[in-house]
Amino acid sequence: MNMMQILFTFVAFAMVMLLMSVGVLIGRKPIQGSCGGMSAIDGLNECEICGGDSNKCEKSS
């Protein structure tokens, strides 16, 4: 690897961290799960919020 690749990688990571910290500073809501997703694929787990009723999820968001 040459020095330019290392420098570019460092700058790219620094920019990503800076953008994430700006999101935290402005107080955006944290990432939330949904009533779907990977846990609902096998059908064993129901959503704790909506209990399987997708209409409740749409109303709460």
N, C-alpha and C. Protein backbone atom coordinates (compact mmCIF):
# COMPACT_ATOMS: atom_id res chain seq x y z
N MET A 1 0.85 -1.19 0.00
CA MET A 1 0.00 0.00 0.00
C MET A 1 0.89 1.24 0.00
N ASN A 2 0.51 2.15 -0.79
CA ASN A 2 1.30 3.37 -0.77
C ASN A 2 0.68 4.37 0.22
N MET A 3 1.37 5.42 0.44
CA MET A 3 0.97 6.40 1.45
C MET A 3 -0.35 7.09 1.10
N MET A 4 -0.63 7.30 -0.17
CA MET A 4 -1.88 7.96 -0.56
C MET A 4 -3.10 7.11 -0.22
N GLN A 5 -3.01 5.81 -0.37
CA GLN A 5 -4.12 4.93 -0.02
C GLN A 5 -4.39 4.97 1.48
N ILE A 6 -3.34 4.93 2.26
CA ILE A 6 -3.48 4.99 3.72
C ILE A 6 -4.09 6.32 4.14
N LEU A 7 -3.62 7.40 3.56
CA LEU A 7 -4.15 8.73 3.88
C LEU A 7 -5.61 8.84 3.47
N PHE A 8 -5.96 8.36 2.29
CA PHE A 8 -7.34 8.41 1.82
C PHE A 8 -8.25 7.61 2.75
N THR A 9 -7.81 6.42 3.16
CA THR A 9 -8.61 5.59 4.06
C THR A 9 -8.82 6.28 5.40
N PHE A 10 -7.77 6.88 5.93
CA PHE A 10 -7.88 7.60 7.20
C PHE A 10 -8.86 8.75 7.09
N VAL A 11 -8.78 9.52 6.02
CA VAL A 11 -9.67 10.67 5.83
C VAL A 11 -11.11 10.19 5.67
N ALA A 12 -11.31 9.09 4.95
CA ALA A 12 -12.67 8.56 4.76
C ALA A 12 -13.28 8.14 6.10
N PHE A 13 -12.51 7.41 6.91
CA PHE A 13 -13.02 7.01 8.23
C PHE A 13 -13.27 8.22 9.12
N ALA A 14 -12.40 9.19 9.07
CA ALA A 14 -12.59 10.40 9.88
C ALA A 14 -13.86 11.14 9.47
N MET A 15 -14.15 11.20 8.18
CA MET A 15 -15.36 11.87 7.72
C MET A 15 -16.61 11.13 8.18
N VAL A 16 -16.59 9.81 8.12
CA VAL A 16 -17.74 9.02 8.57
C VAL A 16 -17.96 9.24 10.06
N MET A 17 -16.91 9.21 10.85
CA MET A 17 -17.06 9.44 12.30
C MET A 17 -17.56 10.85 12.58
N LEU A 18 -17.10 11.82 11.83
CA LEU A 18 -17.55 13.19 12.01
C LEU A 18 -19.04 13.31 11.70
N LEU A 19 -19.49 12.70 10.62
CA LEU A 19 -20.91 12.77 10.26
C LEU A 19 -21.78 12.07 11.30
N MET A 20 -21.30 10.94 11.84
CA MET A 20 -22.09 10.25 12.88
C MET A 20 -22.15 11.09 14.15
N SER A 21 -21.06 11.76 14.50
CA SER A 21 -21.08 12.58 15.72
C SER A 21 -21.98 13.79 15.55
N VAL A 22 -22.06 14.35 14.36
CA VAL A 22 -22.98 15.46 14.12
C VAL A 22 -24.41 15.00 14.32
N GLY A 23 -24.73 13.78 13.87
CA GLY A 23 -26.07 13.24 14.08
C GLY A 23 -26.41 13.09 15.56
N VAL A 24 -25.43 12.70 16.35
CA VAL A 24 -25.65 12.58 17.80
C VAL A 24 -25.83 13.96 18.42
N LEU A 25 -25.02 14.91 18.01
CA LEU A 25 -25.08 16.24 18.59
C LEU A 25 -26.39 16.97 18.30
N ILE A 26 -26.97 16.75 17.15
CA ILE A 26 -28.22 17.44 16.86
C ILE A 26 -29.42 16.73 17.46
N GLY A 27 -29.21 15.61 18.11
CA GLY A 27 -30.26 14.97 18.90
C GLY A 27 -31.27 14.18 18.11
N ARG A 28 -30.85 13.55 17.04
CA ARG A 28 -31.80 12.74 16.27
C ARG A 28 -32.22 11.53 17.10
N LYS A 29 -33.37 10.97 16.76
CA LYS A 29 -33.87 9.79 17.46
C LYS A 29 -32.94 8.62 17.20
N PRO A 30 -32.77 7.75 18.18
CA PRO A 30 -31.92 6.57 17.96
C PRO A 30 -32.58 5.60 16.99
N ILE A 31 -31.79 4.72 16.44
CA ILE A 31 -32.31 3.72 15.50
C ILE A 31 -33.24 2.79 16.26
N GLN A 32 -34.39 2.49 15.66
CA GLN A 32 -35.38 1.64 16.30
C GLN A 32 -35.66 0.43 15.42
N GLY A 33 -36.07 -0.63 16.05
CA GLY A 33 -36.47 -1.82 15.32
C GLY A 33 -37.85 -1.65 14.73
N SER A 34 -38.27 -2.63 13.97
CA SER A 34 -39.60 -2.59 13.37
C SER A 34 -40.36 -3.84 13.75
N CYS A 35 -41.61 -3.91 13.36
CA CYS A 35 -42.40 -5.10 13.63
C CYS A 35 -42.07 -6.22 12.65
N GLY A 36 -41.33 -5.92 11.62
CA GLY A 36 -40.89 -6.94 10.68
C GLY A 36 -39.46 -7.32 11.01
N GLY A 37 -38.69 -7.51 10.00
CA GLY A 37 -37.28 -7.78 10.21
C GLY A 37 -36.97 -9.25 10.31
N MET A 38 -35.75 -9.54 10.68
CA MET A 38 -35.25 -10.91 10.70
C MET A 38 -35.95 -11.78 11.74
N SER A 39 -36.36 -11.22 12.86
CA SER A 39 -36.99 -12.03 13.90
C SER A 39 -38.39 -12.49 13.50
N ALA A 40 -39.01 -11.85 12.53
CA ALA A 40 -40.36 -12.21 12.13
C ALA A 40 -40.40 -13.21 10.97
N ILE A 41 -39.23 -13.57 10.44
CA ILE A 41 -39.22 -14.45 9.28
C ILE A 41 -39.74 -15.83 9.62
N ASP A 42 -39.28 -16.40 10.75
CA ASP A 42 -39.71 -17.76 11.08
C ASP A 42 -41.08 -17.79 11.74
N GLY A 43 -41.62 -16.65 12.13
CA GLY A 43 -42.96 -16.58 12.70
C GLY A 43 -43.03 -16.97 14.17
N LEU A 44 -41.89 -17.23 14.80
CA LEU A 44 -41.91 -17.64 16.20
C LEU A 44 -42.05 -16.45 17.15
N ASN A 45 -41.50 -15.35 16.76
CA ASN A 45 -41.51 -14.17 17.64
C ASN A 45 -42.51 -13.15 17.11
N GLU A 46 -43.31 -12.63 18.01
CA GLU A 46 -44.20 -11.53 17.63
C GLU A 46 -43.60 -10.23 18.13
N CYS A 47 -43.96 -9.18 17.48
CA CYS A 47 -43.48 -7.87 17.87
C CYS A 47 -44.03 -7.51 19.25
N GLU A 48 -43.16 -7.00 20.12
CA GLU A 48 -43.60 -6.62 21.47
C GLU A 48 -44.48 -5.37 21.44
N ILE A 49 -44.31 -4.55 20.41
CA ILE A 49 -45.04 -3.29 20.34
C ILE A 49 -46.44 -3.50 19.76
N CYS A 50 -46.51 -4.19 18.63
CA CYS A 50 -47.80 -4.27 17.94
C CYS A 50 -48.46 -5.64 18.07
N GLY A 51 -47.77 -6.64 18.59
CA GLY A 51 -48.36 -7.96 18.76
C GLY A 51 -48.75 -8.64 17.47
N GLY A 52 -48.10 -8.29 16.37
CA GLY A 52 -48.40 -8.90 15.08
C GLY A 52 -49.37 -8.12 14.24
N ASP A 53 -49.95 -7.06 14.78
CA ASP A 53 -50.89 -6.23 14.02
C ASP A 53 -50.12 -5.08 13.37
N SER A 54 -49.91 -5.16 12.06
CA SER A 54 -49.11 -4.14 11.38
C SER A 54 -49.79 -2.77 11.37
N ASN A 55 -51.11 -2.73 11.56
CA ASN A 55 -51.79 -1.43 11.60
C ASN A 55 -51.35 -0.60 12.81
N LYS A 56 -51.09 -1.28 13.93
CA LYS A 56 -50.61 -0.56 15.12
C LYS A 56 -49.23 0.02 14.87
N CYS A 57 -48.40 -0.69 14.14
CA CYS A 57 -47.05 -0.18 13.84
C CYS A 57 -47.13 1.07 12.97
N GLU A 58 -48.02 1.07 12.00
CA GLU A 58 -48.16 2.23 11.13
C GLU A 58 -48.68 3.43 11.90
N LYS A 59 -49.56 3.20 12.88
CA LYS A 59 -50.10 4.30 13.67
C LYS A 59 -49.04 4.89 14.59
N SER A 60 -48.15 4.03 15.17
CA SER A 60 -47.16 4.51 16.11
C SER A 60 -46.01 5.25 15.43
N SER A 61 -45.81 5.01 14.14
CA SER A 61 -44.72 5.71 13.46
C SER A 61 -45.22 6.89 12.70
